[in-house]
Amino acid sequence: MRCAGWLGTSILAGLMVLGLTGCGRGAAVQETAPFETAVNAWLRAQSMEMKAGRFRSLRVDGDAARAKVSLGHAEGAAGVSVQWNFTFARKGGAWVVSGCQRR
């Protein structure tokens, strides 16, 4: 019976690990802070009084990335947000906006 108890505990632990990792499905959560910094820098350079809000998607592929981002007024006025698609390139270890398009 001692083996059965050990085996059951091992199986349970394995199932818990699979449950926490989602059985390998889905991409790991990406850290959006470096991309938010890049978007906000780009918006300032364009003299746009907007700021990055919620990242609706983010896909990183090596030194390139794509994201769908909700932008809002820099001062939070009116609570209005618009969606933009951004592309990024890694330059000198930092992410920069390489292109964008309003959705």
Protein backbone atom coordinates (compact mmCIF):
# COMPACT_ATOMS: atom_id res chain seq x y z
CA MET A 1 0.00 0.00 0.00
CA ARG A 2 2.88 2.38 0.59
CA CYS A 3 3.76 2.33 -3.16
CA ALA A 4 0.19 3.07 -4.11
CA GLY A 5 0.17 6.10 -1.78
CA TRP A 6 3.44 7.40 -3.21
CA LEU A 7 2.28 6.80 -6.78
CA GLY A 8 -1.02 8.56 -6.15
CA THR A 9 0.80 11.55 -4.64
CA SER A 10 3.17 11.70 -7.62
CA ILE A 11 0.30 11.57 -10.10
CA LEU A 12 -1.58 14.26 -8.21
CA ALA A 13 1.52 16.50 -8.16
CA GLY A 14 2.00 15.98 -11.90
CA LEU A 15 -1.62 16.89 -12.62
CA MET A 16 -1.28 20.03 -10.53
CA VAL A 17 1.80 21.11 -12.52
CA LEU A 18 -0.04 20.48 -15.80
CA GLY A 19 -3.02 22.46 -14.55
CA LEU A 20 -0.83 25.42 -13.58
CA THR A 21 0.95 25.45 -16.93
CA GLY A 22 -2.20 24.94 -18.98
CA CYS A 23 -0.92 21.65 -20.39
CA GLY A 24 1.48 23.56 -22.62
CA ARG A 25 -1.29 25.35 -24.48
CA GLY A 26 -1.15 29.08 -25.05
CA ALA A 27 1.82 31.39 -25.13
CA ALA A 28 3.56 32.63 -22.05
CA VAL A 29 2.40 36.01 -20.82
CA GLN A 30 4.61 38.70 -22.29
CA GLU A 31 5.87 41.62 -20.22
CA THR A 32 4.30 44.69 -21.85
CA ALA A 33 6.29 47.41 -20.00
CA PRO A 34 9.11 47.71 -22.60
CA PHE A 35 6.53 47.94 -25.39
CA GLU A 36 4.43 50.46 -23.48
CA THR A 37 7.57 52.60 -23.09
CA ALA A 38 8.22 52.36 -26.84
CA VAL A 39 4.63 53.29 -27.73
CA ASN A 40 4.60 56.26 -25.35
CA ALA A 41 7.95 57.51 -26.71
CA TRP A 42 6.64 57.21 -30.27
CA LEU A 43 3.42 59.06 -29.37
CA ARG A 44 5.43 61.92 -27.78
CA ALA A 45 7.67 62.11 -30.88
CA GLN A 46 4.55 62.40 -33.04
CA SER A 47 3.17 65.17 -30.76
CA MET A 48 0.12 63.05 -30.04
CA GLU A 49 -1.52 63.68 -26.69
CA MET A 50 -2.21 59.99 -26.15
CA LYS A 51 -0.78 57.18 -24.05
CA ALA A 52 -0.68 53.40 -24.23
CA GLY A 53 -3.46 51.67 -22.39
CA ARG A 54 -4.38 48.00 -22.49
CA PHE A 55 -2.38 45.62 -24.67
CA ARG A 56 -5.04 43.45 -26.30
CA SER A 57 -2.43 41.19 -27.88
CA LEU A 58 1.34 40.93 -28.04
CA ARG A 59 3.36 38.51 -30.14
CA VAL A 60 7.16 38.52 -29.99
CA ASP A 61 9.24 36.76 -32.65
CA GLY A 62 12.95 37.25 -32.01
CA ASP A 63 13.83 40.90 -32.59
CA ALA A 64 10.37 41.78 -33.97
CA ALA A 65 7.00 42.08 -32.29
CA ARG A 66 3.37 42.99 -33.03
CA ALA A 67 0.73 44.31 -30.67
CA LYS A 68 -2.84 45.57 -30.62
CA VAL A 69 -2.98 48.44 -28.16
CA SER A 70 -5.77 50.62 -26.83
CA LEU A 71 -4.67 54.25 -26.72
CA GLY A 72 -6.29 56.87 -24.54
CA HIS A 73 -5.89 60.59 -23.99
CA ALA A 74 -2.66 61.37 -22.14
CA GLU A 75 -4.55 63.24 -19.42
CA GLY A 76 -7.36 60.68 -19.26
CA ALA A 77 -9.91 63.11 -20.70
CA ALA A 78 -13.30 61.76 -21.71
CA GLY A 79 -12.31 58.12 -21.18
CA VAL A 80 -12.23 57.54 -24.95
CA SER A 81 -9.83 54.97 -26.36
CA VAL A 82 -8.91 53.87 -29.86
CA GLN A 83 -7.19 50.70 -31.05
CA TRP A 84 -3.94 50.74 -32.99
CA ASN A 85 -1.77 47.95 -34.38
CA PHE A 86 1.93 48.46 -33.68
CA THR A 87 5.02 46.69 -34.96
CA PHE A 88 8.26 46.83 -33.01
CA ALA A 89 11.94 46.18 -33.63
CA ARG A 90 14.60 45.56 -31.02
CA LYS A 91 17.43 48.08 -31.44
CA GLY A 92 20.36 48.25 -29.06
CA GLY A 93 18.55 46.02 -26.59
CA ALA A 94 15.44 48.24 -26.44
CA TRP A 95 12.13 47.95 -28.25
CA VAL A 96 11.14 50.76 -30.64
CA VAL A 97 8.03 51.28 -32.75
CA SER A 98 8.78 50.40 -36.37
CA GLY A 99 5.26 50.95 -37.70
CA CYS A 100 1.67 51.51 -36.71
CA GLN A 101 -1.81 51.57 -38.14
CA ARG A 102 -5.08 52.69 -36.64
CA ARG A 103 -7.62 49.88 -36.64
